[in-house]
Every structure is written in C-alpha cells, then in structure tokens.
C-alpha cells in the first residue's frame, strides 16, 4: 500500500488547515486498520494528532480537541484532516499513515510541509 498527502503549503493564522491523504492498495474499511495523522515540528518530537478507524470512529489528541476533525471519503479512498484556528505553532511536516491493529505504523506518506504565516 501507499499513502500520499496533499494540501496547501501556506495557511494564514486563524484559518483552517485541510489536508487530504489518498491511499492505494486497499480500502480504508479493511478490518483492523487505522488511519492516522501525525506531524513533526522543527526541533520537536513526532506528534500524533488523531486517527480514523476502519469502522469510521475517530480519536483525537487531547491537546487538539475542539480544533481537529478527521473524516473520510471511502468512495475515493481518502481521509482528511481539518485543523481550525491555526497558529504558527501548527507549522510542521504533516504525515498520514496506516496503522495496524496495535496502532503501529505499517506505511506512511512522504509528508507535506505546512507553514502558518501571514
């Protein structure tokens, strides 16, 4: 399988960041697979943002609750991250990945650089 992120490289502060992950090699609804978003900011550890499970259930990082929404379009085999009210602290390389039943990554995309700046 493979995953590919797409979305804008520059977002204005206070706006909503929207990124899409296009998956190939199997349906999002395959049993016991989970589809996550993570990010790495300069000088920081990899940060898990949230996940949508093969059932469509979502889980989010507590620090982002209220700002994050993950959805999917199973007809296109895509899942989407929306992060609202962004600030420069949200600047990072964003990755989408498939996780196995233990939530360990199977594979991930090459990442997309997002800068929040006016």
Protein backbone atom coordinates (compact mmCIF):
# COMPACT_ATOMS: atom_id res chain seq x y z
CA UNK A 1 0.00 0.00 0.00
CA UNK A 2 0.88 3.65 -0.28
CA UNK A 3 -0.30 6.97 1.11
CA UNK A 4 0.12 10.44 -0.29
CA UNK A 5 -0.62 13.73 1.45
CA UNK A 6 -1.86 16.79 -0.38
CA UNK A 7 -2.86 20.27 0.65
CA UNK A 8 -1.71 23.88 0.82
CA UNK A 9 1.81 24.67 1.87
CA UNK A 10 0.88 28.01 3.38
CA UNK A 11 -2.04 28.80 5.67
CA UNK A 12 -2.92 32.12 7.23
CA UNK A 13 -3.17 32.35 11.03
CA UNK A 14 -6.68 31.71 12.40
CA UNK A 15 -7.68 29.86 9.23
CA UNK A 16 -8.47 26.15 8.87
CA UNK A 17 -5.84 23.77 7.55
CA UNK A 18 -7.20 21.00 5.37
CA UNK A 19 -5.04 18.10 4.24
CA UNK A 20 -6.06 15.01 2.30
CA UNK A 21 -4.45 11.59 2.32
CA UNK A 22 -5.01 9.43 -0.74
CA UNK A 23 -4.50 5.74 -0.11
CA UNK A 24 -3.83 2.98 -2.60
CA UNK A 25 -3.50 -0.76 -2.16
CA UNK A 26 -6.62 -1.46 -0.14
CA UNK A 27 -9.83 0.09 1.14
CA UNK A 28 -9.93 2.29 4.22
CA UNK A 29 -12.54 -0.06 5.65
CA UNK A 30 -10.19 -3.05 5.74
CA UNK A 31 -10.63 -4.74 9.10
CA UNK A 32 -8.36 -3.64 11.94
CA UNK A 33 -6.59 -0.87 10.08
CA UNK A 34 -6.35 2.64 11.41
CA UNK A 35 -5.56 5.81 9.50
CA UNK A 36 -3.62 8.45 11.38
CA UNK A 37 -2.28 11.93 11.02
CA UNK A 38 0.99 12.86 12.68
CA UNK A 39 3.27 15.86 12.41
CA UNK A 40 6.81 16.90 13.17
CA UNK A 41 7.60 20.50 14.01
CA UNK A 42 11.18 21.79 13.88
CA UNK A 43 13.07 20.69 16.96
CA UNK A 44 10.16 18.69 18.35
CA UNK A 45 9.18 15.07 18.67
CA UNK A 46 6.78 13.43 16.26
CA UNK A 47 3.27 14.30 17.43
CA UNK A 48 0.26 12.09 16.94
CA UNK A 49 -2.79 14.16 16.01
CA UNK A 50 -5.64 11.74 15.53
CA UNK A 51 -6.97 8.67 13.79
CA UNK A 52 -9.97 7.36 11.96
CA UNK A 53 -10.54 3.65 12.40
CA UNK A 54 -11.73 1.13 9.82
CA UNK A 55 -15.15 1.50 11.46
CA UNK A 56 -15.20 5.26 10.92
CA UNK A 57 -14.70 6.01 14.60
CA UNK A 58 -12.33 8.87 15.33
CA UNK A 59 -9.92 9.54 18.18
CA UNK A 60 -8.05 12.79 18.72
CA UNK A 61 -5.11 14.01 20.72
CA UNK A 62 -6.48 15.74 23.83
CA UNK A 63 -4.40 18.83 23.18
CA UNK A 64 -6.16 19.34 19.86
CA UNK A 65 -9.73 18.53 20.82
CA UNK A 66 -12.04 21.24 19.66
CA UNK A 67 -9.78 22.16 16.76
CA UNK A 68 -9.34 18.87 14.92
CA UNK A 69 -11.66 16.87 12.72
CA UNK A 70 -10.82 13.77 10.69
CA UNK A 71 -13.20 12.41 8.09
CA UNK A 72 -13.09 10.09 5.12
CA UNK A 73 -14.47 9.54 1.66
CA UNK A 74 -14.41 5.80 1.17
CA UNK A 75 -15.51 6.10 -2.46
CA UNK A 76 -12.25 7.94 -3.18
CA UNK A 77 -10.18 6.07 -0.59
CA UNK A 78 -9.19 9.35 1.01
CA UNK A 79 -9.21 10.66 4.54
CA UNK A 80 -8.96 14.28 5.52
CA UNK A 81 -7.55 16.32 8.37
CA UNK A 82 -9.07 19.65 9.29
CA UNK A 83 -7.33 21.77 11.91
CA UNK A 84 -9.00 25.04 12.76
CA UNK A 85 -7.73 28.28 14.27
CA UNK A 86 -4.16 27.54 13.27
CA UNK A 87 -1.21 29.47 14.64
CA UNK A 88 2.47 29.46 13.69
CA UNK A 89 2.87 26.68 16.28
CA UNK A 90 0.98 24.43 13.87
CA UNK A 91 3.71 24.78 11.24
CA UNK A 92 5.13 21.32 10.65
CA UNK A 93 5.59 18.47 8.24
CA UNK A 94 2.32 16.54 8.27
CA UNK A 95 2.17 12.83 7.52
CA UNK A 96 -0.63 10.38 7.04
CA UNK A 97 -0.11 6.73 7.81
CA UNK A 98 -1.77 3.38 8.07
CA UNK A 99 -1.53 1.67 11.43
CA UNK A 100 -2.04 -1.97 12.24
CA UNK A 101 -4.27 -3.45 14.92
CA UNK A 102 -1.75 -2.38 17.56
CA UNK A 103 -1.66 1.17 16.20
CA UNK A 104 1.89 0.67 14.94
CA UNK A 105 2.61 2.24 11.55
CA UNK A 106 2.52 -0.03 8.52
CA UNK A 107 3.37 2.64 5.99
CA UNK A 108 3.19 6.41 5.64
CA UNK A 109 3.39 9.16 3.06
CA UNK A 110 6.33 11.37 2.24
CA UNK A 111 4.81 14.26 4.16
CA UNK A 112 3.69 17.74 3.27
CA UNK A 113 5.24 20.90 4.64
CA UNK A 114 2.72 23.33 6.11
CA UNK A 115 3.67 26.83 7.17
CA UNK A 116 1.30 29.04 9.11
CA UNK A 117 2.21 32.63 8.47
CA UNK A 118 0.74 35.92 7.42
